[in-house]
Amino acid sequence: MFQLGKTIVSEDIINNDFVCNLSACKGACCVDGDAGAPLEEEEAEILKELYPKIKPILRPEGVAAIETQGTHTTSDEGELETPLVNGADCAYVIFDENNVALCAIEESYNQGKIEWKKPISCHLYPVRVKDYSEFSAVNYHKWQICDDACTLGKELQVPIYKFVKEALIRKFGEDWYTELENVANKMKSKLG
């Protein structure tokens, strides 16, 4: 672990490789698990506002889940999350012709219908950020369903922090990311 400003960063995001391999996993991170995607407060408000623009491409069961539960839910721990369909799929999941799970929010963004890409927790994955009163912890969330992503990342030699560069900059800013790169380069030169 090392400190960058008000963040404590796990070296795992530098020392492990990762590149999403949707053809292998079929987007399992959006349909497996027992909770929706974590949301920040302002993201919950954004989803409320954007839902009418996203709704036309959602699956009927996603629409039903959102209309019943709301555009976001609150967990037993008080965390904001995306709603789920039958306790499994994220309500915002759609499937392509190859049955790969895609994010309807991101698809709406890609089609130019909205200007917000998706929740930062999804954009950052496999990096997870936990906010505390004095700092934020930046960690690698290792999940077996992403083993193919780890294998592809190793083949392509793409460390996690480079794979999620755009999301890390979105969350912490360019200067923070530049500092992270400097730490990563120093770590590599010590090994190398």
C-alpha atoms as a PDB file:
ATOM      1  CA  MET A   1       0.000   0.000   0.000  1.00  0.00           C
ATOM      2  CA  PHE A   2       1.107   3.547  -0.638  1.00  0.00           C
ATOM      3  CA  GLN A   3      -0.431   6.978  -0.234  1.00  0.00           C
ATOM      4  CA  LEU A   4      -1.319   9.379  -3.041  1.00  0.00           C
ATOM      5  CA  GLY A   5      -2.907  12.532  -1.676  1.00  0.00           C
ATOM      6  CA  LYS A   6      -6.008  11.459   0.235  1.00  0.00           C
ATOM      7  CA  THR A   7      -5.945   7.920  -1.149  1.00  0.00           C
ATOM      8  CA  ILE A   8      -4.343   4.723   0.078  1.00  0.00           C
ATOM      9  CA  VAL A   9      -3.584   2.590  -2.977  1.00  0.00           C
ATOM     10  CA  SER A  10      -3.001  -1.142  -3.138  1.00  0.00           C
ATOM     11  CA  GLU A  11       0.099  -2.170  -5.098  1.00  0.00           C
ATOM     12  CA  ASP A  12      -2.081  -4.927  -6.571  1.00  0.00           C
ATOM     13  CA  ILE A  13      -3.419  -2.473  -9.167  1.00  0.00           C
ATOM     14  CA  ILE A  14       0.153  -2.068 -10.439  1.00  0.00           C
ATOM     15  CA  ASN A  15       1.361  -5.657  -9.986  1.00  0.00           C
ATOM     16  CA  ASN A  16      -1.603  -7.451 -11.599  1.00  0.00           C
ATOM     17  CA  ASP A  17      -2.689  -7.424 -15.232  1.00  0.00           C
ATOM     18  CA  PHE A  18      -6.247  -7.164 -16.512  1.00  0.00           C
ATOM     19  CA  VAL A  19      -8.127  -6.632 -19.780  1.00  0.00           C
ATOM     20  CA  CYS A  20     -11.856  -7.406 -19.914  1.00  0.00           C
ATOM     21  CA  ASN A  21     -12.478 -10.429 -22.105  1.00  0.00           C
ATOM     22  CA  LEU A  22     -16.192 -10.169 -22.885  1.00  0.00           C
ATOM     23  CA  SER A  23     -16.080 -12.968 -25.432  1.00  0.00           C
ATOM     24  CA  ALA A  24     -15.007 -15.330 -22.630  1.00  0.00           C
ATOM     25  CA  CYS A  25     -16.997 -14.092 -19.619  1.00  0.00           C
ATOM     26  CA  LYS A  26     -20.077 -12.753 -21.474  1.00  0.00           C
ATOM     27  CA  GLY A  27     -20.275  -9.819 -19.028  1.00  0.00           C
ATOM     28  CA  ALA A  28     -20.765 -12.037 -15.982  1.00  0.00           C
ATOM     29  CA  CYS A  29     -19.923  -9.190 -13.561  1.00  0.00           C
ATOM     30  CA  CYS A  30     -23.216  -7.529 -14.521  1.00  0.00           C
ATOM     31  CA  VAL A  31     -25.359 -10.632 -13.996  1.00  0.00           C
ATOM     32  CA  ASP A  32     -23.649 -12.528 -11.157  1.00  0.00           C
ATOM     33  CA  GLY A  33     -23.452 -11.543  -7.542  1.00  0.00           C
ATOM     34  CA  ASP A  34     -25.951 -10.591  -4.901  1.00  0.00           C
ATOM     35  CA  ALA A  35     -25.931  -6.801  -5.086  1.00  0.00           C
ATOM     36  CA  GLY A  36     -26.307  -4.081  -7.666  1.00  0.00           C
ATOM     37  CA  ALA A  37     -23.503  -1.824  -8.788  1.00  0.00           C
ATOM     38  CA  PRO A  38     -22.440   0.632  -6.072  1.00  0.00           C
ATOM     39  CA  LEU A  39     -23.584   4.200  -6.725  1.00  0.00           C
ATOM     40  CA  GLU A  40     -22.467   7.565  -5.413  1.00  0.00           C
ATOM     41  CA  GLU A  41     -25.229   9.915  -4.224  1.00  0.00           C
ATOM     42  CA  GLU A  42     -25.017  12.191  -7.238  1.00  0.00           C
ATOM     43  CA  GLU A  43     -25.099   9.135  -9.538  1.00  0.00           C
ATOM     44  CA  ALA A  44     -28.407   8.029  -8.028  1.00  0.00           C
ATOM     45  CA  GLU A  45     -29.809  11.448  -8.957  1.00  0.00           C
ATOM     46  CA  ILE A  46     -28.301  11.219 -12.455  1.00  0.00           C
ATOM     47  CA  LEU A  47     -29.985   7.835 -12.986  1.00  0.00           C
ATOM     48  CA  LYS A  48     -33.360   9.293 -11.978  1.00  0.00           C
ATOM     49  CA  GLU A  49     -32.915  12.057 -14.511  1.00  0.00           C
ATOM     50  CA  LEU A  50     -31.597   9.858 -17.352  1.00  0.00           C
ATOM     51  CA  TYR A  51     -33.889   6.859 -16.914  1.00  0.00           C
ATOM     52  CA  PRO A  52     -36.454   8.052 -19.518  1.00  0.00           C
ATOM     53  CA  LYS A  53     -33.671   8.219 -22.137  1.00  0.00           C
ATOM     54  CA  ILE A  54     -32.264   4.781 -21.192  1.00  0.00           C
ATOM     55  CA  LYS A  55     -35.632   3.008 -20.823  1.00  0.00           C
ATOM     56  CA  PRO A  56     -36.282   2.450 -24.572  1.00  0.00           C
ATOM     57  CA  ILE A  57     -33.356   0.004 -24.895  1.00  0.00           C
ATOM     58  CA  LEU A  58     -33.880  -1.820 -21.579  1.00  0.00           C
ATOM     59  CA  ARG A  59     -35.257  -5.354 -21.389  1.00  0.00           C
ATOM     60  CA  PRO A  60     -38.858  -5.609 -20.174  1.00  0.00           C
ATOM     61  CA  GLU A  61     -37.689  -7.316 -16.962  1.00  0.00           C
ATOM     62  CA  GLY A  62     -35.202  -4.476 -16.362  1.00  0.00           C
ATOM     63  CA  VAL A  63     -37.940  -1.889 -16.814  1.00  0.00           C
ATOM     64  CA  ALA A  64     -40.205  -3.857 -14.451  1.00  0.00           C
ATOM     65  CA  ALA A  65     -37.461  -4.027 -11.797  1.00  0.00           C
ATOM     66  CA  ILE A  66     -36.775  -0.286 -12.047  1.00  0.00           C
ATOM     67  CA  GLU A  67     -40.461   0.646 -12.048  1.00  0.00           C
ATOM     68  CA  THR A  68     -40.969  -1.513  -8.928  1.00  0.00           C
ATOM     69  CA  GLN A  69     -37.740  -0.774  -7.012  1.00  0.00           C
ATOM     70  CA  GLY A  70     -36.783   2.639  -8.363  1.00  0.00           C
ATOM     71  CA  THR A  71     -33.830   3.770 -10.485  1.00  0.00           C
ATOM     72  CA  HIS A  72     -31.607   2.883  -7.530  1.00  0.00           C
ATOM     73  CA  THR A  73     -31.963   0.973  -4.258  1.00  0.00           C
ATOM     74  CA  THR A  74     -30.426   1.162  -0.795  1.00  0.00           C
ATOM     75  CA  SER A  75     -28.753  -1.923   0.679  1.00  0.00           C
ATOM     76  CA  ASP A  76     -29.166  -3.107   4.268  1.00  0.00           C
ATOM     77  CA  GLU A  77     -25.848  -1.333   4.975  1.00  0.00           C
ATOM     78  CA  GLY A  78     -27.209   1.939   3.609  1.00  0.00           C
ATOM     79  CA  GLU A  79     -25.233   1.763   0.343  1.00  0.00           C
ATOM     80  CA  LEU A  80     -26.820   3.031  -2.870  1.00  0.00           C
ATOM     81  CA  GLU A  81     -26.928   0.445  -5.683  1.00  0.00           C
ATOM     82  CA  THR A  82     -28.500  -0.286  -9.035  1.00  0.00           C
ATOM     83  CA  PRO A  83     -31.645  -2.425  -8.744  1.00  0.00           C
ATOM     84  CA  LEU A  84     -31.564  -6.116  -9.645  1.00  0.00           C
ATOM     85  CA  VAL A  85     -33.803  -8.345 -11.724  1.00  0.00           C
ATOM     86  CA  ASN A  86     -34.814 -11.325  -9.553  1.00  0.00           C
ATOM     87  CA  GLY A  87     -31.863 -10.751  -7.217  1.00  0.00           C
ATOM     88  CA  ALA A  88     -29.302 -11.411  -9.986  1.00  0.00           C
ATOM     89  CA  ASP A  89     -28.894  -9.267 -13.141  1.00  0.00           C
ATOM     90  CA  CYS A  90     -28.401  -5.545 -12.886  1.00  0.00           C
ATOM     91  CA  ALA A  91     -31.665  -3.983 -14.087  1.00  0.00           C
ATOM     92  CA  TYR A  92     -29.654  -1.888 -16.568  1.00  0.00           C
ATOM     93  CA  VAL A  93     -28.251  -4.963 -18.348  1.00  0.00           C
ATOM     94  CA  ILE A  94     -29.131  -5.685 -21.950  1.00  0.00           C
ATOM     95  CA  PHE A  95     -27.827  -8.530 -24.113  1.00  0.00           C
ATOM     96  CA  ASP A  96     -26.319  -8.420 -27.588  1.00  0.00           C
ATOM     97  CA  GLU A  97     -26.887 -10.989 -30.347  1.00  0.00           C
ATOM     98  CA  ASN A  98     -24.176 -13.231 -28.810  1.00  0.00           C
ATOM     99  CA  ASN A  99     -25.874 -13.128 -25.387  1.00  0.00           C
ATOM    100  CA  VAL A 100     -23.113 -10.919 -23.962  1.00  0.00           C
ATOM    101  CA  ALA A 101     -24.306  -8.674 -21.135  1.00  0.00           C
ATOM    102  CA  LEU A 102     -23.913  -4.985 -21.935  1.00  0.00           C
ATOM    103  CA  CYS A 103     -24.756  -1.869 -19.953  1.00  0.00           C
ATOM    104  CA  ALA A 104     -27.805  -0.011 -21.287  1.00  0.00           C
ATOM    105  CA  ILE A 105     -26.470   3.165 -19.687  1.00  0.00           C
ATOM    106  CA  GLU A 106     -23.179   2.870 -21.575  1.00  0.00           C
ATOM    107  CA  GLU A 107     -24.959   1.862 -24.787  1.00  0.00           C
ATOM    108  CA  SER A 108     -27.149   4.984 -24.500  1.00  0.00           C
ATOM    109  CA  TYR A 109     -23.962   7.027 -24.003  1.00  0.00           C
ATOM    110  CA  ASN A 110     -22.296   5.352 -27.015  1.00  0.00           C
ATOM    111  CA  GLN A 111     -25.379   6.137 -29.135  1.00  0.00           C
ATOM    112  CA  GLY A 112     -25.177   9.814 -28.128  1.00  0.00           C
ATOM    113  CA  LYS A 113     -28.508   9.741 -26.259  1.00  0.00           C
ATOM    114  CA  ILE A 114     -26.943  10.717 -22.914  1.00  0.00           C
ATOM    115  CA  GLU A 115     -23.692  12.375 -21.831  1.00  0.00           C
ATOM    116  CA  TRP A 116     -22.938  10.184 -18.786  1.00  0.00           C
ATOM    117  CA  LYS A 117     -21.026   6.956 -19.455  1.00  0.00           C
ATOM    118  CA  LYS A 118     -22.025   4.769 -16.492  1.00  0.00           C
ATOM    119  CA  PRO A 119     -21.572   4.540 -12.717  1.00  0.00           C
ATOM    120  CA  ILE A 120     -17.959   5.106 -11.694  1.00  0.00           C
ATOM    121  CA  SER A 121     -17.887   1.774  -9.815  1.00  0.00           C
ATOM    122  CA  CYS A 122     -18.593  -0.047 -13.101  1.00  0.00           C
ATOM    123  CA  HIS A 123     -16.135   2.096 -15.056  1.00  0.00           C
ATOM    124  CA  LEU A 124     -13.387   1.430 -12.488  1.00  0.00           C
ATOM    125  CA  TYR A 125     -13.871  -2.331 -12.239  1.00  0.00           C
ATOM    126  CA  PRO A 126     -11.836  -4.382 -11.153  1.00  0.00           C
ATOM    127  CA  VAL A 127     -10.713  -1.452  -8.994  1.00  0.00           C
ATOM    128  CA  ARG A 128     -12.934  -0.758  -6.009  1.00  0.00           C
ATOM    129  CA  VAL A 129     -12.848   2.509  -4.049  1.00  0.00           C
ATOM    130  CA  LYS A 130     -14.031   2.644  -0.451  1.00  0.00           C
ATOM    131  CA  ASP A 131     -14.424   6.125   1.002  1.00  0.00           C
ATOM    132  CA  TYR A 132     -13.593   6.727   4.655  1.00  0.00           C
ATOM    133  CA  SER A 133     -13.743  10.002   6.568  1.00  0.00           C
ATOM    134  CA  GLU A 134     -10.049  10.846   6.097  1.00  0.00           C
ATOM    135  CA  PHE A 135      -9.094   8.943   2.943  1.00  0.00           C
ATOM    136  CA  SER A 136     -10.251   6.650   0.130  1.00  0.00           C
ATOM    137  CA  ALA A 137      -8.938   3.097  -0.205  1.00  0.00           C
ATOM    138  CA  VAL A 138      -8.172   2.050  -3.794  1.00  0.00           C
ATOM    139  CA  ASN A 139      -8.043  -1.753  -4.103  1.00  0.00           C
ATOM    140  CA  TYR A 140      -8.113  -4.563  -6.633  1.00  0.00           C
ATOM    141  CA  HIS A 141     -11.238  -6.708  -6.371  1.00  0.00           C
ATOM    142  CA  LYS A 142     -10.245 -10.196  -7.488  1.00  0.00           C
ATOM    143  CA  TRP A 143     -13.226 -12.241  -8.664  1.00  0.00           C
ATOM    144  CA  GLN A 144     -13.016 -15.708 -10.179  1.00  0.00           C
ATOM    145  CA  ILE A 145     -15.343 -14.795 -13.050  1.00  0.00           C
ATOM    146  CA  CYS A 146     -12.616 -12.413 -14.247  1.00  0.00           C
ATOM    147  CA  ASP A 147      -9.879 -15.055 -14.533  1.00  0.00           C
ATOM    148  CA  ASP A 148     -10.017 -14.764 -18.346  1.00  0.00           C
ATOM    149  CA  ALA A 149      -9.497 -10.999 -18.031  1.00  0.00           C
ATOM    150  CA  CYS A 150      -6.408 -11.619 -15.896  1.00  0.00           C
ATOM    151  CA  THR A 151      -5.070 -14.088 -18.470  1.00  0.00           C
ATOM    152  CA  LEU A 152      -5.689 -11.671 -21.357  1.00  0.00           C
ATOM    153  CA  GLY A 153      -4.147  -8.806 -19.394  1.00  0.00           C
ATOM    154  CA  LYS A 154      -1.034 -10.881 -18.756  1.00  0.00           C
ATOM    155  CA  GLU A 155      -0.799 -11.831 -22.456  1.00  0.00           C
ATOM    156  CA  LEU A 156      -1.126  -8.188 -23.492  1.00  0.00           C
ATOM    157  CA  GLN A 157       0.976  -6.951 -20.529  1.00  0.00           C
ATOM    158  CA  VAL A 158      -1.602  -4.398 -19.399  1.00  0.00           C
ATOM    159  CA  PRO A 159      -1.534  -3.662 -15.666  1.00  0.00           C
ATOM    160  CA  ILE A 160      -4.875  -2.941 -13.997  1.00  0.00           C
ATOM    161  CA  TYR A 161      -4.118   0.750 -13.465  1.00  0.00           C
ATOM    162  CA  LYS A 162      -3.547   1.198 -17.214  1.00  0.00           C
ATOM    163  CA  PHE A 163      -6.688  -0.756 -18.122  1.00  0.00           C
ATOM    164  CA  VAL A 164      -8.823   1.573 -15.980  1.00  0.00           C
ATOM    165  CA  LYS A 165      -6.847   4.754 -16.726  1.00  0.00           C
ATOM    166  CA  GLU A 166      -9.841   6.725 -18.054  1.00  0.00           C
ATOM    167  CA  ALA A 167     -11.941   5.781 -15.004  1.00  0.00           C
ATOM    168  CA  LEU A 168      -9.160   6.583 -12.521  1.00  0.00           C
ATOM    169  CA  ILE A 169      -8.727  10.011 -14.125  1.00  0.00           C
ATOM    170  CA  ARG A 170     -12.497  10.496 -14.025  1.00  0.00           C
ATOM    171  CA  LYS A 171     -12.516   9.661 -10.305  1.00  0.00           C
ATOM    172  CA  PHE A 172      -9.279  11.267  -9.059  1.00  0.00           C
ATOM    173  CA  GLY A 173      -8.013  13.583 -11.821  1.00  0.00           C
ATOM    174  CA  GLU A 174      -5.052  13.763 -14.228  1.00  0.00           C
ATOM    175  CA  ASP A 175      -2.517  14.846 -11.597  1.00  0.00           C
ATOM    176  CA  TRP A 176      -3.403  11.916  -9.330  1.00  0.00           C
ATOM    177  CA  TYR A 177      -3.036   9.489 -12.247  1.00  0.00           C
ATOM    178  CA  THR A 178       0.333  10.981 -13.232  1.00  0.00           C
ATOM    179  CA  GLU A 179       1.536  10.438  -9.650  1.00  0.00           C
ATOM    180  CA  LEU A 180       0.283   6.843  -9.816  1.00  0.00           C
ATOM    181  CA  GLU A 181       2.230   6.290 -13.043  1.00  0.00           C
ATOM    182  CA  ASN A 182       5.370   7.700 -11.385  1.00  0.00           C
ATOM    183  CA  VAL A 183       4.977   5.269  -8.466  1.00  0.00           C
ATOM    184  CA  ALA A 184       4.407   2.382 -10.901  1.00  0.00           C
ATOM    185  CA  ASN A 185       7.507   3.296 -12.919  1.00  0.00           C
ATOM    186  CA  LYS A 186       9.640   3.478  -9.762  1.00  0.00           C
ATOM    187  CA  MET A 187       8.317   0.088  -8.621  1.00  0.00           C
ATOM    188  CA  LYS A 188       9.129  -1.459 -12.038  1.00  0.00           C
ATOM    189  CA  SER A 189      12.630   0.031 -12.130  1.00  0.00           C
ATOM    190  CA  LYS A 190      13.368  -1.486  -8.691  1.00  0.00           C
ATOM    191  CA  LEU A 191      12.289  -4.904  -9.989  1.00  0.00           C
ATOM    192  CA  GLY A 192      13.933  -4.546 -13.261  1.00  0.00           C
END
